[in-house]
Every structure is written in C-alpha cells, then in structure tokens.
Amino acid sequence: MTKKKSTRPHQPDGAVIYVVAETTGRTLMGLRSPFVSRPGTWAPFGGHREPEESLEETVIRELYEETMYSGPVKLSQVGPQSFLGLVPDEFPPVLNWEHTSAKWIRQ
C-alpha cells in the first residue's frame, strides 16, 4: 500500500521559547518531570502546536501553560522552531505537571 501524499503544507509539531529577563540577562530553564519525554533534563519551555496555531502563538500559550506567565514578551525567531522571548524582569514561575523545578541561569 502506498502512502497518500498530503497537499497541505508541512507544519512543525511544536516550538520552544528561551525566556530571557531584560533586567538580568538570565534565562529561565525548567527541569522536566518524570511524566514527559526526556525526564530529569533542563530545557526551555515549549511544546506541541495546535491545529491552525502559529509558532508564535504556540510558544506564548506553552509559556503560560507551563509557568503561568502572562506578561509582555518580545519574540524573535532564532531557529525553525525556536524563539527568544524577552520579558521585562525575572518572574517566579508557577509550574504545571510538566516540570518539577525551574531556575534563572546565566549563559
């Protein structure tokens, strides 16, 4: 059986956001929980793209879902599915089940 070729343009499955506080230059990283892929690793926030959602909408939604941050974010795309998100200042993330810890780090 041959696979039917889609006429829809390819859409990436998801995107990530590297959140950087403008006042300190530090980056927010999350420690992935045992309930997600690559558990126990430090990673930027992000996730699956919903149908009809832009990559920019994906990273803003995922940032909110995973940290409860709803303040201003200046987005710049830095890779095919990666974004730099500048926020005015560090904030205390309120994590969901996808992360067990988070910290602001210098890179």
PDB file of N, CA and C in Angstrom:
ATOM      1  N   MET A   1       0.840  -1.177   0.000  1.00  0.00           N
ATOM      2  CA  MET A   1       0.000   0.000   0.000  1.00  0.00           C
ATOM      3  C   MET A   1       0.886   1.241   0.000  1.00  0.00           C
ATOM      4  N   THR A   2       0.593   2.185  -0.866  1.00  0.00           N
ATOM      5  CA  THR A   2       1.376   3.408  -0.910  1.00  0.00           C
ATOM      6  C   THR A   2       0.728   4.471  -0.035  1.00  0.00           C
ATOM      7  N   LYS A   3       1.573   5.259   0.544  1.00  0.00           N
ATOM      8  CA  LYS A   3       1.095   6.318   1.423  1.00  0.00           C
ATOM      9  C   LYS A   3       0.600   7.491   0.574  1.00  0.00           C
ATOM     10  N   LYS A   4      -0.579   7.988   0.877  1.00  0.00           N
ATOM     11  CA  LYS A   4      -1.147   9.122   0.160  1.00  0.00           C
ATOM     12  C   LYS A   4      -0.393  10.384   0.545  1.00  0.00           C
ATOM     13  N   LYS A   5       0.034  11.141  -0.450  1.00  0.00           N
ATOM     14  CA  LYS A   5       0.775  12.369  -0.209  1.00  0.00           C
ATOM     15  C   LYS A   5      -0.186  13.498   0.161  1.00  0.00           C
ATOM     16  N   SER A   6       0.126  14.212   1.202  1.00  0.00           N
ATOM     17  CA  SER A   6      -0.702  15.313   1.656  1.00  0.00           C
ATOM     18  C   SER A   6      -0.500  16.527   0.752  1.00  0.00           C
ATOM     19  N   THR A   7      -1.580  17.263   0.513  1.00  0.00           N
ATOM     20  CA  THR A   7      -1.485  18.502  -0.253  1.00  0.00           C
ATOM     21  C   THR A   7      -1.332  19.701   0.676  1.00  0.00           C
ATOM     22  N   ARG A   8      -1.458  19.465   1.990  1.00  0.00           N
ATOM     23  CA  ARG A   8      -1.275  20.541   2.954  1.00  0.00           C
ATOM     24  C   ARG A   8       0.197  20.809   3.166  1.00  0.00           C
ATOM     25  N   PRO A   9       0.579  22.076   3.339  1.00  0.00           N
ATOM     26  CA  PRO A   9       1.983  22.362   3.634  1.00  0.00           C
ATOM     27  C   PRO A   9       2.370  21.771   4.986  1.00  0.00           C
ATOM     28  N   HIS A  10       3.629  21.356   5.119  1.00  0.00           N
ATOM     29  CA  HIS A  10       4.110  20.784   6.381  1.00  0.00           C
ATOM     30  C   HIS A  10       4.082  21.844   7.470  1.00  0.00           C
ATOM     31  N   GLN A  11       3.562  21.472   8.619  1.00  0.00           N
ATOM     32  CA  GLN A  11       3.570  22.358   9.770  1.00  0.00           C
ATOM     33  C   GLN A  11       4.366  21.689  10.874  1.00  0.00           C
ATOM     34  N   PRO A  12       5.328  22.400  11.450  1.00  0.00           N
ATOM     35  CA  PRO A  12       6.098  21.811  12.550  1.00  0.00           C
ATOM     36  C   PRO A  12       5.181  21.382  13.693  1.00  0.00           C
ATOM     37  N   ASP A  13       5.597  20.354  14.402  1.00  0.00           N
ATOM     38  CA  ASP A  13       4.802  19.804  15.503  1.00  0.00           C
ATOM     39  C   ASP A  13       4.804  20.677  16.743  1.00  0.00           C
ATOM     40  N   GLY A  14       5.796  21.532  16.906  1.00  0.00           N
ATOM     41  CA  GLY A  14       5.852  22.352  18.101  1.00  0.00           C
ATOM     42  C   GLY A  14       6.971  23.361  18.041  1.00  0.00           C
ATOM     43  N   ALA A  15       7.169  24.043  19.161  1.00  0.00           N
ATOM     44  CA  ALA A  15       8.188  25.084  19.227  1.00  0.00           C
ATOM     45  C   ALA A  15       8.622  25.290  20.675  1.00  0.00           C
ATOM     46  N   VAL A  16       9.795  25.888  20.838  1.00  0.00           N
ATOM     47  CA  VAL A  16      10.322  26.188  22.170  1.00  0.00           C
ATOM     48  C   VAL A  16      10.642  27.674  22.282  1.00  0.00           C
ATOM     49  N   ILE A  17      10.652  28.149  23.537  1.00  0.00           N
ATOM     50  CA  ILE A  17      10.969  29.546  23.805  1.00  0.00           C
ATOM     51  C   ILE A  17      12.049  29.628  24.876  1.00  0.00           C
ATOM     52  N   TYR A  18      13.107  30.352  24.566  1.00  0.00           N
ATOM     53  CA  TYR A  18      14.168  30.649  25.526  1.00  0.00           C
ATOM     54  C   TYR A  18      13.802  31.995  26.139  1.00  0.00           C
ATOM     55  N   VAL A  19      13.337  31.966  27.375  1.00  0.00           N
ATOM     56  CA  VAL A  19      12.868  33.167  28.060  1.00  0.00           C
ATOM     57  C   VAL A  19      14.059  33.841  28.733  1.00  0.00           C
ATOM     58  N   VAL A  20      14.289  35.118  28.392  1.00  0.00           N
ATOM     59  CA  VAL A  20      15.405  35.885  28.951  1.00  0.00           C
ATOM     60  C   VAL A  20      14.860  37.161  29.578  1.00  0.00           C
ATOM     61  N   ALA A  21      15.261  37.425  30.822  1.00  0.00           N
ATOM     62  CA  ALA A  21      14.855  38.651  31.517  1.00  0.00           C
ATOM     63  C   ALA A  21      15.760  39.797  31.071  1.00  0.00           C
ATOM     64  N   GLU A  22      15.151  40.877  30.601  1.00  0.00           N
ATOM     65  CA  GLU A  22      15.929  42.027  30.121  1.00  0.00           C
ATOM     66  C   GLU A  22      16.760  42.662  31.226  1.00  0.00           C
ATOM     67  N   THR A  23      16.269  42.683  32.463  1.00  0.00           N
ATOM     68  CA  THR A  23      16.990  43.356  33.555  1.00  0.00           C
ATOM     69  C   THR A  23      18.230  42.599  34.017  1.00  0.00           C
ATOM     70  N   THR A  24      18.224  41.275  33.902  1.00  0.00           N
ATOM     71  CA  THR A  24      19.347  40.488  34.420  1.00  0.00           C
ATOM     72  C   THR A  24      20.116  39.736  33.336  1.00  0.00           C
ATOM     73  N   GLY A  25      19.497  39.532  32.179  1.00  0.00           N
ATOM     74  CA  GLY A  25      20.132  38.754  31.117  1.00  0.00           C
ATOM     75  C   GLY A  25      20.107  37.259  31.379  1.00  0.00           C
ATOM     76  N   ARG A  26      19.414  36.839  32.433  1.00  0.00           N
ATOM     77  CA  ARG A  26      19.359  35.411  32.759  1.00  0.00           C
ATOM     78  C   ARG A  26      18.220  34.721  32.007  1.00  0.00           C
ATOM     79  N   THR A  27      18.407  33.414  31.769  1.00  0.00           N
ATOM     80  CA  THR A  27      17.466  32.588  31.021  1.00  0.00           C
ATOM     81  C   THR A  27      16.730  31.652  31.968  1.00  0.00           C
ATOM     82  N   LEU A  28      15.433  31.511  31.760  1.00  0.00           N
ATOM     83  CA  LEU A  28      14.615  30.611  32.578  1.00  0.00           C
ATOM     84  C   LEU A  28      14.624  29.216  31.963  1.00  0.00           C
ATOM     85  N   MET A  29      15.016  28.225  32.759  1.00  0.00           N
ATOM     86  CA  MET A  29      15.020  26.833  32.310  1.00  0.00           C
ATOM     87  C   MET A  29      14.165  26.006  33.257  1.00  0.00           C
ATOM     88  N   GLY A  30      13.548  24.954  32.708  1.00  0.00           N
ATOM     89  CA  GLY A  30      12.706  24.078  33.503  1.00  0.00           C
ATOM     90  C   GLY A  30      13.277  22.670  33.577  1.00  0.00           C
ATOM     91  N   LEU A  31      13.146  22.043  34.733  1.00  0.00           N
ATOM     92  CA  LEU A  31      13.567  20.655  34.926  1.00  0.00           C
ATOM     93  C   LEU A  31      12.377  19.761  34.595  1.00  0.00           C
ATOM     94  N   ARG A  32      12.515  18.959  33.546  1.00  0.00           N
ATOM     95  CA  ARG A  32      11.409  18.148  33.041  1.00  0.00           C
ATOM     96  C   ARG A  32      11.031  17.041  34.023  1.00  0.00           C
ATOM     97  N   SER A  33       9.722  16.867  34.206  1.00  0.00           N
ATOM     98  CA  SER A  33       9.210  15.892  35.167  1.00  0.00           C
ATOM     99  C   SER A  33       9.289  14.464  34.624  1.00  0.00           C
ATOM    100  N   PRO A  34       9.058  13.469  35.481  1.00  0.00           N
ATOM    101  CA  PRO A  34       9.061  12.072  35.041  1.00  0.00           C
ATOM    102  C   PRO A  34       7.928  11.733  34.076  1.00  0.00           C
ATOM    103  N   PHE A  35       6.970  12.622  33.907  1.00  0.00           N
ATOM    104  CA  PHE A  35       5.785  12.348  33.105  1.00  0.00           C
ATOM    105  C   PHE A  35       5.877  12.824  31.660  1.00  0.00           C
ATOM    106  N   VAL A  36       7.035  13.353  31.259  1.00  0.00           N
ATOM    107  CA  VAL A  36       7.218  13.861  29.894  1.00  0.00           C
ATOM    108  C   VAL A  36       8.452  13.213  29.263  1.00  0.00           C
ATOM    109  N   SER A  37       8.629  13.436  27.971  1.00  0.00           N
ATOM    110  CA  SER A  37       9.831  12.909  27.321  1.00  0.00           C
ATOM    111  C   SER A  37      11.073  13.616  27.867  1.00  0.00           C
ATOM    112  N   ARG A  38      12.184  12.930  27.860  1.00  0.00           N
ATOM    113  CA  ARG A  38      13.465  13.430  28.384  1.00  0.00           C
ATOM    114  C   ARG A  38      13.349  13.923  29.834  1.00  0.00           C
ATOM    115  N   PRO A  39      12.782  13.074  30.728  1.00  0.00           N
ATOM    116  CA  PRO A  39      12.636  13.490  32.131  1.00  0.00           C
ATOM    117  C   PRO A  39      13.986  13.735  32.789  1.00  0.00           C
ATOM    118  N   GLY A  40      13.987  14.637  33.755  1.00  0.00           N
ATOM    119  CA  GLY A  40      15.203  14.907  34.509  1.00  0.00           C
ATOM    120  C   GLY A  40      16.212  15.776  33.785  1.00  0.00           C
ATOM    121  N   THR A  41      15.821  16.372  32.663  1.00  0.00           N
ATOM    122  CA  THR A  41      16.730  17.248  31.933  1.00  0.00           C
ATOM    123  C   THR A  41      16.256  18.695  32.041  1.00  0.00           C
ATOM    124  N   TRP A  42      17.203  19.616  31.992  1.00  0.00           N
ATOM    125  CA  TRP A  42      16.881  21.041  31.988  1.00  0.00           C
ATOM    126  C   TRP A  42      16.640  21.455  30.548  1.00  0.00           C
ATOM    127  N   ALA A  43      15.570  22.189  30.302  1.00  0.00           N
ATOM    128  CA  ALA A  43      15.211  22.548  28.938  1.00  0.00           C
ATOM    129  C   ALA A  43      14.429  23.858  28.926  1.00  0.00           C
ATOM    130  N   PRO A  44      14.371  24.508  27.750  1.00  0.00           N
ATOM    131  CA  PRO A  44      13.487  25.667  27.626  1.00  0.00           C
ATOM    132  C   PRO A  44      12.039  25.194  27.632  1.00  0.00           C
ATOM    133  N   PHE A  45      11.122  26.122  27.697  1.00  0.00           N
ATOM    134  CA  PHE A  45       9.704  25.784  27.713  1.00  0.00           C
ATOM    135  C   PHE A  45       9.180  25.694  26.284  1.00  0.00           C
ATOM    136  N   GLY A  46       8.104  24.968  26.105  1.00  0.00           N
ATOM    137  CA  GLY A  46       7.524  24.832  24.775  1.00  0.00           C
ATOM    138  C   GLY A  46       6.739  23.555  24.673  1.00  0.00           C
ATOM    139  N   GLY A  47       6.273  23.280  23.455  1.00  0.00           N
ATOM    140  CA  GLY A  47       5.508  22.060  23.284  1.00  0.00           C
ATOM    141  C   GLY A  47       4.802  21.977  21.963  1.00  0.00           C
ATOM    142  N   HIS A  48       3.777  21.160  21.947  1.00  0.00           N
ATOM    143  CA  HIS A  48       3.034  20.797  20.751  1.00  0.00           C
ATOM    144  C   HIS A  48       2.249  21.975  20.174  1.00  0.00           C
ATOM    145  N   ARG A  49       2.247  22.040  18.869  1.00  0.00           N
ATOM    146  CA  ARG A  49       1.490  23.065  18.151  1.00  0.00           C
ATOM    147  C   ARG A  49       0.066  22.563  17.882  1.00  0.00           C
ATOM    148  N   GLU A  50      -0.918  23.380  18.226  1.00  0.00           N
ATOM    149  CA  GLU A  50      -2.322  23.054  17.972  1.00  0.00           C
ATOM    150  C   GLU A  50      -2.662  23.353  16.513  1.00  0.00           C
ATOM    151  N   PRO A  51      -3.669  22.673  15.957  1.00  0.00           N
ATOM    152  CA  PRO A  51      -4.075  22.956  14.575  1.00  0.00           C
ATOM    153  C   PRO A  51      -4.418  24.434  14.396  1.00  0.00           C
ATOM    154  N   GLU A  52      -3.988  24.985  13.292  1.00  0.00           N
ATOM    155  CA  GLU A  52      -4.259  26.389  12.929  1.00  0.00           C
ATOM    156  C   GLU A  52      -3.570  27.402  13.839  1.00  0.00           C
ATOM    157  N   GLU A  53      -2.652  26.963  14.681  1.00  0.00           N
ATOM    158  CA  GLU A  53      -1.939  27.861  15.588  1.00  0.00           C
ATOM    159  C   GLU A  53      -0.593  28.205  14.954  1.00  0.00           C
ATOM    160  N   SER A  54      -0.189  29.469  15.019  1.00  0.00           N
ATOM    161  CA  SER A  54       1.138  29.854  14.530  1.00  0.00           C
ATOM    162  C   SER A  54       2.186  29.407  15.543  1.00  0.00           C
ATOM    163  N   LEU A  55       3.433  29.359  15.124  1.00  0.00           N
ATOM    164  CA  LEU A  55       4.510  29.011  16.061  1.00  0.00           C
ATOM    165  C   LEU A  55       4.604  30.040  17.191  1.00  0.00           C
ATOM    166  N   GLU A  56       4.402  31.308  16.860  1.00  0.00           N
ATOM    167  CA  GLU A  56       4.426  32.353  17.884  1.00  0.00           C
ATOM    168  C   GLU A  56       3.319  32.135  18.912  1.00  0.00           C
ATOM    169  N   GLU A  57       2.130  31.796  18.442  1.00  0.00           N
ATOM    170  CA  GLU A  57       1.022  31.516  19.358  1.00  0.00           C
ATOM    171  C   GLU A  57       1.327  30.285  20.212  1.00  0.00           C
ATOM    172  N   THR A  58       1.988  29.301  19.607  1.00  0.00           N
ATOM    173  CA  THR A  58       2.339  28.085  20.340  1.00  0.00           C
ATOM    174  C   THR A  58       3.243  28.401  21.524  1.00  0.00           C
ATOM    175  N   VAL A  59       4.320  29.163  21.297  1.00  0.00           N
ATOM    176  CA  VAL A  59       5.261  29.403  22.401  1.00  0.00           C
ATOM    177  C   VAL A  59       4.657  30.289  23.491  1.00  0.00           C
ATOM    178  N   ILE A  60       3.827  31.244  23.115  1.00  0.00           N
ATOM    179  CA  ILE A  60       3.185  32.088  24.127  1.00  0.00           C
ATOM    180  C   ILE A  60       2.202  31.252  24.956  1.00  0.00           C
ATOM    181  N   ARG A  61       1.415  30.401  24.296  1.00  0.00           N
ATOM    182  CA  ARG A  61       0.474  29.527  25.023  1.00  0.00           C
ATOM    183  C   ARG A  61       1.216  28.559  25.931  1.00  0.00           C
ATOM    184  N   GLU A  62       2.258  27.912  25.385  1.00  0.00           N
ATOM    185  CA  GLU A  62       3.021  26.948  26.184  1.00  0.00           C
ATOM    186  C   GLU A  62       3.706  27.624  27.372  1.00  0.00           C
ATOM    187  N   LEU A  63       4.244  28.812  27.170  1.00  0.00           N
ATOM    188  CA  LEU A  63       4.866  29.537  28.279  1.00  0.00           C
ATOM    189  C   LEU A  63       3.843  29.788  29.383  1.00  0.00           C
ATOM    190  N   TYR A  64       2.645  30.191  29.001  1.00  0.00           N
ATOM    191  CA  TYR A  64       1.600  30.421  30.004  1.00  0.00           C
ATOM    192  C   TYR A  64       1.202  29.112  30.695  1.00  0.00           C
ATOM    193  N   GLU A  65       0.957  28.058  29.913  1.00  0.00           N
ATOM    194  CA  GLU A  65       0.529  26.780  30.494  1.00  0.00           C
ATOM    195  C   GLU A  65       1.564  26.202  31.453  1.00  0.00           C
ATOM    196  N   GLU A  66       2.845  26.379  31.136  1.00  0.00           N
ATOM    197  CA  GLU A  66       3.900  25.744  31.919  1.00  0.00           C
ATOM    198  C   GLU A  66       4.453  26.604  33.047  1.00  0.00           C
ATOM    199  N   THR A  67       4.244  27.953  32.987  1.00  0.00           N
ATOM    200  CA  THR A  67       4.784  28.832  34.025  1.00  0.00           C
ATOM    201  C   THR A  67       3.762  29.807  34.599  1.00  0.00           C
ATOM    202  N   MET A  68       2.589  29.884  33.982  1.00  0.00           N
ATOM    203  CA  MET A  68       1.531  30.843  34.344  1.00  0.00           C
ATOM    204  C   MET A  68       1.954  32.295  34.089  1.00  0.00           C
ATOM    205  N   TYR A  69       2.982  32.517  33.281  1.00  0.00           N
ATOM    206  CA  TYR A  69       3.393  33.891  32.955  1.00  0.00           C
ATOM    207  C   TYR A  69       2.491  34.431  31.857  1.00  0.00           C
ATOM    208  N   SER A  70       1.909  35.614  32.108  1.00  0.00           N
ATOM    209  CA  SER A  70       1.023  36.220  31.117  1.00  0.00           C
ATOM    210  C   SER A  70       1.413  37.662  30.802  1.00  0.00           C
ATOM    211  N   GLY A  71       2.612  38.056  31.199  1.00  0.00           N
ATOM    212  CA  GLY A  71       3.069  39.413  30.953  1.00  0.00           C
ATOM    213  C   GLY A  71       3.600  39.599  29.542  1.00  0.00           C
ATOM    214  N   PRO A  72       4.204  40.765  29.296  1.00  0.00           N
ATOM    215  CA  PRO A  72       4.706  41.063  27.958  1.00  0.00           C
ATOM    216  C   PRO A  72       5.906  40.190  27.575  1.00  0.00           C
ATOM    217  N   VAL A  73       5.959  39.826  26.295  1.00  0.00           N
ATOM    218  CA  VAL A  73       7.063  39.030  25.749  1.00  0.00           C
ATOM    219  C   VAL A  73       7.403  39.596  24.379  1.00  0.00           C
ATOM    220  N   LYS A  74       8.681  39.954  24.171  1.00  0.00           N
ATOM    221  CA  LYS A  74       9.150  40.368  22.842  1.00  0.00           C
ATOM    222  C   LYS A  74       9.748  39.134  22.176  1.00  0.00           C
ATOM    223  N   LEU A  75       9.101  38.656  21.122  1.00  0.00           N
ATOM    224  CA  LEU A  75       9.530  37.422  20.456  1.00  0.00           C
ATOM    225  C   LEU A  75      10.430  37.687  19.268  1.00  0.00           C
ATOM    226  N   SER A  76      11.466  36.869  19.143  1.00  0.00           N
ATOM    227  CA  SER A  76      12.327  36.847  17.964  1.00  0.00           C
ATOM    228  C   SER A  76      12.563  35.390  17.614  1.00  0.00           C
ATOM    229  N   GLN A  77      12.324  35.042  16.363  1.00  0.00           N
ATOM    230  CA  GLN A  77      12.562  33.664  15.940  1.00  0.00           C
ATOM    231  C   GLN A  77      14.057  33.484  15.713  1.00  0.00           C
ATOM    232  N   VAL A  78      14.656  32.464  16.356  1.00  0.00           N
ATOM    233  CA  VAL A  78      16.099  32.224  16.264  1.00  0.00           C
ATOM    234  C   VAL A  78      16.432  30.901  15.588  1.00  0.00           C
ATOM    235  N   GLY A  79      15.431  30.128  15.246  1.00  0.00           N
ATOM    236  CA  GLY A  79      15.601  28.856  14.560  1.00  0.00           C
ATOM    237  C   GLY A  79      14.273  28.453  13.966  1.00  0.00           C
ATOM    238  N   PRO A  80      14.238  27.357  13.222  1.00  0.00           N
ATOM    239  CA  PRO A  80      12.983  26.953  12.577  1.00  0.00           C
ATOM    240  C   PRO A  80      11.817  26.796  13.549  1.00  0.00           C
ATOM    241  N   GLN A  81      12.091  26.326  14.763  1.00  0.00           N
ATOM    242  CA  GLN A  81      11.042  26.122  15.756  1.00  0.00           C
ATOM    243  C   GLN A  81      11.459  26.648  17.125  1.00  0.00           C
ATOM    244  N   SER A  82      12.390  27.610  17.134  1.00  0.00           N
ATOM    245  CA  SER A  82      12.923  28.157  18.382  1.00  0.00           C
ATOM    246  C   SER A  82      12.772  29.672  18.401  1.00  0.00           C
ATOM    247  N   PHE A  83      12.417  30.172  19.595  1.00  0.00           N
ATOM    248  CA  PHE A  83      12.216  31.609  19.770  1.00  0.00           C
ATOM    249  C   PHE A  83      12.972  32.105  20.998  1.00  0.00           C
ATOM    250  N   LEU A  84      13.427  33.349  20.912  1.00  0.00           N
ATOM    251  CA  LEU A  84      13.937  34.084  22.061  1.00  0.00           C
ATOM    252  C   LEU A  84      12.768  34.929  22.534  1.00  0.00           C
ATOM    253  N   GLY A  85      12.460  34.859  23.811  1.00  0.00           N
ATOM    254  CA  GLY A  85      11.372  35.650  24.379  1.00  0.00           C
ATOM    255  C   GLY A  85      11.906  36.549  25.473  1.00  0.00           C
ATOM    256  N   LEU A  86      12.001  37.847  25.188  1.00  0.00           N
ATOM    257  CA  LEU A  86      12.477  38.802  26.182  1.00  0.00           C
ATOM    258  C   LEU A  86      11.309  39.248  27.050  1.00  0.00           C
ATOM    259  N   VAL A  87      11.479  39.094  28.356  1.00  0.00           N
ATOM    260  CA  VAL A  87      10.494  39.566  29.318  1.00  0.00           C
ATOM    261  C   VAL A  87      11.143  40.690  30.122  1.00  0.00           C
ATOM    262  N   PRO A  88      10.354  41.631  30.650  1.00  0.00           N
ATOM    263  CA  PRO A  88      10.955  42.770  31.341  1.00  0.00           C
ATOM    264  C   PRO A  88      11.846  42.389  32.523  1.00  0.00           C
ATOM    265  N   ASP A  89      11.421  41.428  33.318  1.00  0.00           N
ATOM    266  CA  ASP A  89      12.162  41.062  34.531  1.00  0.00           C
ATOM    267  C   ASP A  89      11.906  39.593  34.853  1.00  0.00           C
ATOM    268  N   GLU A  90      12.745  39.036  35.707  1.00  0.00           N
ATOM    269  CA  GLU A  90      12.537  37.669  36.171  1.00  0.00           C
ATOM    270  C   GLU A  90      11.205  37.591  36.916  1.00  0.00           C
ATOM    271  N   PHE A  91      10.540  36.464  36.794  1.00  0.00           N
ATOM    272  CA  PHE A  91       9.277  36.235  37.490  1.00  0.00           C
ATOM    273  C   PHE A  91       9.345  34.860  38.135  1.00  0.00           C
ATOM    274  N   PRO A  92       8.587  34.648  39.207  1.00  0.00           N
ATOM    275  CA  PRO A  92       8.558  33.325  39.838  1.00  0.00           C
ATOM    276  C   PRO A  92       7.584  32.418  39.077  1.00  0.00           C
ATOM    277  N   PRO A  93       8.083  31.423  38.340  1.00  0.00           N
ATOM    278  CA  PRO A  93       7.176  30.572  37.577  1.00  0.00           C
ATOM    279  C   PRO A  93       6.324  29.690  38.480  1.00  0.00           C
ATOM    280  N   VAL A  94       5.074  29.525  38.094  1.00  0.00           N
ATOM    281  CA  VAL A  94       4.161  28.597  38.756  1.00  0.00           C
ATOM    282  C   VAL A  94       4.048  27.413  37.799  1.00  0.00           C
ATOM    283  N   LEU A  95       4.718  26.324  38.145  1.00  0.00           N
ATOM    284  CA  LEU A  95       4.880  25.206  37.222  1.00  0.00           C
ATOM    285  C   LEU A  95       3.691  24.263  37.204  1.00  0.00           C
ATOM    286  N   ASN A  96       3.435  23.697  36.016  1.00  0.00           N
ATOM    287  CA  ASN A  96       2.438  22.639  35.915  1.00  0.00           C
ATOM    288  C   ASN A  96       3.147  21.288  36.058  1.00  0.00           C
ATOM    289  N   TRP A  97       2.471  20.205  35.770  1.00  0.00           N
ATOM    290  CA  TRP A  97       2.980  18.844  35.950  1.00  0.00           C
ATOM    291  C   TRP A  97       4.158  18.499  35.032  1.00  0.00           C
ATOM    292  N   GLU A  98       4.409  19.318  34.026  1.00  0.00           N
ATOM    293  CA  GLU A  98       5.472  19.004  33.062  1.00  0.00           C
ATOM    294  C   GLU A  98       6.878  19.283  33.594  1.00  0.00           C
ATOM    295  N   HIS A  99       6.973  20.062  34.674  1.00  0.00           N
ATOM    296  CA  HIS A  99       8.282  20.413  35.252  1.00  0.00           C
ATOM    297  C   HIS A  99       8.240  20.267  36.761  1.00  0.00           C
ATOM    298  N   THR A 100       9.375  19.882  37.341  1.00  0.00           N
ATOM    299  CA  THR A 100       9.455  19.755  38.791  1.00  0.00           C
ATOM    300  C   THR A 100      10.183  20.921  39.435  1.00  0.00           C
ATOM    301  N   SER A 101      10.907  21.695  38.620  1.00  0.00           N
ATOM    302  CA  SER A 101      11.657  22.826  39.130  1.00  0.00           C
ATOM    303  C   SER A 101      11.962  23.771  37.975  1.00  0.00           C
ATOM    304  N   ALA A 102      12.340  24.989  38.318  1.00  0.00           N
ATOM    305  CA  ALA A 102      12.764  25.964  37.315  1.00  0.00           C
ATOM    306  C   ALA A 102      13.777  26.884  37.967  1.00  0.00           C
ATOM    307  N   LYS A 103      14.672  27.419  37.147  1.00  0.00           N
ATOM    308  CA  LYS A 103      15.620  28.401  37.680  1.00  0.00           C
ATOM    309  C   LYS A 103      16.095  29.327  36.585  1.00  0.00           C
ATOM    310  N   TRP A 104      16.444  30.526  37.019  1.00  0.00           N
ATOM    311  CA  TRP A 104      17.022  31.535  36.129  1.00  0.00           C
ATOM    312  C   TRP A 104      18.533  31.325  36.137  1.00  0.00           C
ATOM    313  N   ILE A 105      19.137  31.182  34.963  1.00  0.00           N
ATOM    314  CA  ILE A 105      20.568  30.909  34.874  1.00  0.00           C
ATOM    315  C   ILE A 105      21.279  31.904  33.969  1.00  0.00           C
ATOM    316  N   ARG A 106      22.568  32.040  34.190  1.00  0.00           N
ATOM    317  CA  ARG A 106      23.415  32.828  33.274  1.00  0.00           C
ATOM    318  C   ARG A 106      23.954  31.886  32.218  1.00  0.00           C
ATOM    319  N   GLN A 107      24.000  32.357  31.003  1.00  0.00           N
ATOM    320  CA  GLN A 107      24.553  31.521  29.926  1.00  0.00           C
ATOM    321  C   GLN A 107      25.789  32.131  29.349  1.00  0.00           C
TER     322      GLN A 107
END
